[in-house]
Amino acid sequence: MNVMTQNLKEIIHGKVHLQIGKKGASAEVIKQIEHLFKNNRYLKIRFLDIGEFESVENAIQDLIQKVKCKKIDKRGNTVVLERRKS
């Protein structure tokens, strides 16, 4: 198993980096995610409440557009996102 696959497996089965509440991807949350992506290729985020969105998937898509990252895995209300360092 290569290093990237091992790292991703640890993220998927590990602790959540950030929890997002009913306000969704606010400016504060985006700033926090940007900061976390500086040191991490993968982030695990849990949605506690979808707020104005009809589904968790809609909330995830909104977040992906704002942060410009890629969805790797989704389980229930938890998503793993990836952003490659440029």
C-alpha atoms as a PDB file:
ATOM      1  CA  MET A   1       0.000   0.000   0.000  1.00  0.00           C
ATOM      2  CA  ASN A   2       1.494   3.347  -0.996  1.00  0.00           C
ATOM      3  CA  VAL A   3       1.844   6.322   1.363  1.00  0.00           C
ATOM      4  CA  MET A   4      -1.021   8.321  -0.179  1.00  0.00           C
ATOM      5  CA  THR A   5      -3.469   5.421   0.129  1.00  0.00           C
ATOM      6  CA  GLN A   6      -2.415   4.806   3.737  1.00  0.00           C
ATOM      7  CA  ASN A   7      -2.823   8.517   4.579  1.00  0.00           C
ATOM      8  CA  LEU A   8      -6.289   8.627   2.996  1.00  0.00           C
ATOM      9  CA  LYS A   9      -7.339   5.466   4.855  1.00  0.00           C
ATOM     10  CA  GLU A  10      -6.243   7.047   8.151  1.00  0.00           C
ATOM     11  CA  ILE A  11      -8.269  10.198   7.356  1.00  0.00           C
ATOM     12  CA  ILE A  12     -11.413   8.252   6.419  1.00  0.00           C
ATOM     13  CA  HIS A  13     -11.312   6.214   9.627  1.00  0.00           C
ATOM     14  CA  GLY A  14      -9.888   8.971  11.828  1.00  0.00           C
ATOM     15  CA  LYS A  15     -11.263  11.980  13.654  1.00  0.00           C
ATOM     16  CA  VAL A  16     -13.153  14.835  12.037  1.00  0.00           C
ATOM     17  CA  HIS A  17     -11.119  17.985  11.294  1.00  0.00           C
ATOM     18  CA  LEU A  18     -14.108  20.353  11.310  1.00  0.00           C
ATOM     19  CA  GLN A  19     -17.818  20.339  12.055  1.00  0.00           C
ATOM     20  CA  ILE A  20     -20.182  22.629  10.165  1.00  0.00           C
ATOM     21  CA  GLY A  21     -23.434  23.780  11.747  1.00  0.00           C
ATOM     22  CA  LYS A  22     -26.643  25.315  10.412  1.00  0.00           C
ATOM     23  CA  LYS A  23     -24.909  28.464   9.112  1.00  0.00           C
ATOM     24  CA  GLY A  24     -23.183  26.278   6.539  1.00  0.00           C
ATOM     25  CA  ALA A  25     -20.088  27.406   4.683  1.00  0.00           C
ATOM     26  CA  SER A  26     -19.911  30.926   6.090  1.00  0.00           C
ATOM     27  CA  ALA A  27     -16.905  33.181   5.515  1.00  0.00           C
ATOM     28  CA  GLU A  28     -15.483  32.103   8.889  1.00  0.00           C
ATOM     29  CA  VAL A  29     -15.798  28.417   8.016  1.00  0.00           C
ATOM     30  CA  ILE A  30     -14.188  28.958   4.596  1.00  0.00           C
ATOM     31  CA  LYS A  31     -11.288  30.777   6.250  1.00  0.00           C
ATOM     32  CA  GLN A  32     -10.837  27.894   8.695  1.00  0.00           C
ATOM     33  CA  ILE A  33     -10.916  25.316   5.877  1.00  0.00           C
ATOM     34  CA  GLU A  34      -8.372  27.309   3.854  1.00  0.00           C
ATOM     35  CA  HIS A  35      -6.094  27.332   6.888  1.00  0.00           C
ATOM     36  CA  LEU A  36      -6.492  23.560   7.397  1.00  0.00           C
ATOM     37  CA  PHE A  37      -5.744  22.881   3.723  1.00  0.00           C
ATOM     38  CA  LYS A  38      -2.392  24.670   4.075  1.00  0.00           C
ATOM     39  CA  ASN A  39      -1.109  21.728   6.132  1.00  0.00           C
ATOM     40  CA  ASN A  40      -3.348  18.888   4.937  1.00  0.00           C
ATOM     41  CA  ARG A  41      -4.128  17.370   1.568  1.00  0.00           C
ATOM     42  CA  TYR A  42      -7.290  15.720   2.916  1.00  0.00           C
ATOM     43  CA  LEU A  43      -9.910  17.087   5.320  1.00  0.00           C
ATOM     44  CA  LYS A  44     -12.714  15.228   7.039  1.00  0.00           C
ATOM     45  CA  ILE A  45     -15.745  17.442   7.662  1.00  0.00           C
ATOM     46  CA  ARG A  46     -19.027  16.601   9.395  1.00  0.00           C
ATOM     47  CA  PHE A  47     -22.264  18.482   8.791  1.00  0.00           C
ATOM     48  CA  LEU A  48     -24.246  18.749  12.025  1.00  0.00           C
ATOM     49  CA  ASP A  49     -27.208  20.545  10.467  1.00  0.00           C
ATOM     50  CA  ILE A  50     -27.889  21.238   6.803  1.00  0.00           C
ATOM     51  CA  GLY A  51     -29.680  24.536   7.536  1.00  0.00           C
ATOM     52  CA  GLU A  52     -31.025  26.150   4.373  1.00  0.00           C
ATOM     53  CA  PHE A  53     -29.990  23.250   2.118  1.00  0.00           C
ATOM     54  CA  GLU A  54     -32.428  20.485   1.210  1.00  0.00           C
ATOM     55  CA  SER A  55     -29.836  17.746   1.643  1.00  0.00           C
ATOM     56  CA  VAL A  56     -26.319  17.091   2.885  1.00  0.00           C
ATOM     57  CA  GLU A  57     -25.250  16.563  -0.734  1.00  0.00           C
ATOM     58  CA  ASN A  58     -26.372  20.108  -1.618  1.00  0.00           C
ATOM     59  CA  ALA A  59     -24.453  21.495   1.371  1.00  0.00           C
ATOM     60  CA  ILE A  60     -21.347  19.550   0.286  1.00  0.00           C
ATOM     61  CA  GLN A  61     -21.601  20.823  -3.301  1.00  0.00           C
ATOM     62  CA  ASP A  62     -21.886  24.405  -2.016  1.00  0.00           C
ATOM     63  CA  LEU A  63     -18.778  23.914   0.103  1.00  0.00           C
ATOM     64  CA  ILE A  64     -16.822  22.321  -2.771  1.00  0.00           C
ATOM     65  CA  GLN A  65     -17.602  25.280  -5.046  1.00  0.00           C
ATOM     66  CA  LYS A  66     -16.559  27.824  -2.428  1.00  0.00           C
ATOM     67  CA  VAL A  67     -13.333  26.073  -1.396  1.00  0.00           C
ATOM     68  CA  LYS A  68     -12.409  24.655  -4.832  1.00  0.00           C
ATOM     69  CA  CYS A  69     -11.660  21.115  -3.776  1.00  0.00           C
ATOM     70  CA  LYS A  70     -12.710  17.566  -4.670  1.00  0.00           C
ATOM     71  CA  LYS A  71     -14.971  15.119  -2.816  1.00  0.00           C
ATOM     72  CA  ILE A  72     -13.196  11.819  -2.119  1.00  0.00           C
ATOM     73  CA  ASP A  73     -15.617  10.000   0.197  1.00  0.00           C
ATOM     74  CA  LYS A  74     -19.025  10.595   1.791  1.00  0.00           C
ATOM     75  CA  ARG A  75     -20.550   8.585   4.598  1.00  0.00           C
ATOM     76  CA  GLY A  76     -23.772   9.913   6.082  1.00  0.00           C
ATOM     77  CA  ASN A  77     -23.215  13.540   7.090  1.00  0.00           C
ATOM     78  CA  THR A  78     -19.416  13.259   6.857  1.00  0.00           C
ATOM     79  CA  VAL A  79     -17.307  14.026   3.802  1.00  0.00           C
ATOM     80  CA  VAL A  80     -13.600  13.726   2.995  1.00  0.00           C
ATOM     81  CA  LEU A  81     -12.305  16.496   0.725  1.00  0.00           C
ATOM     82  CA  GLU A  82      -9.037  16.722  -1.170  1.00  0.00           C
ATOM     83  CA  ARG A  83      -7.068  19.672  -2.430  1.00  0.00           C
ATOM     84  CA  ARG A  84      -3.722  19.161  -4.070  1.00  0.00           C
ATOM     85  CA  LYS A  85      -1.064  21.663  -3.138  1.00  0.00           C
ATOM     86  CA  SER A  86      -0.135  23.858  -6.054  1.00  0.00           C
END
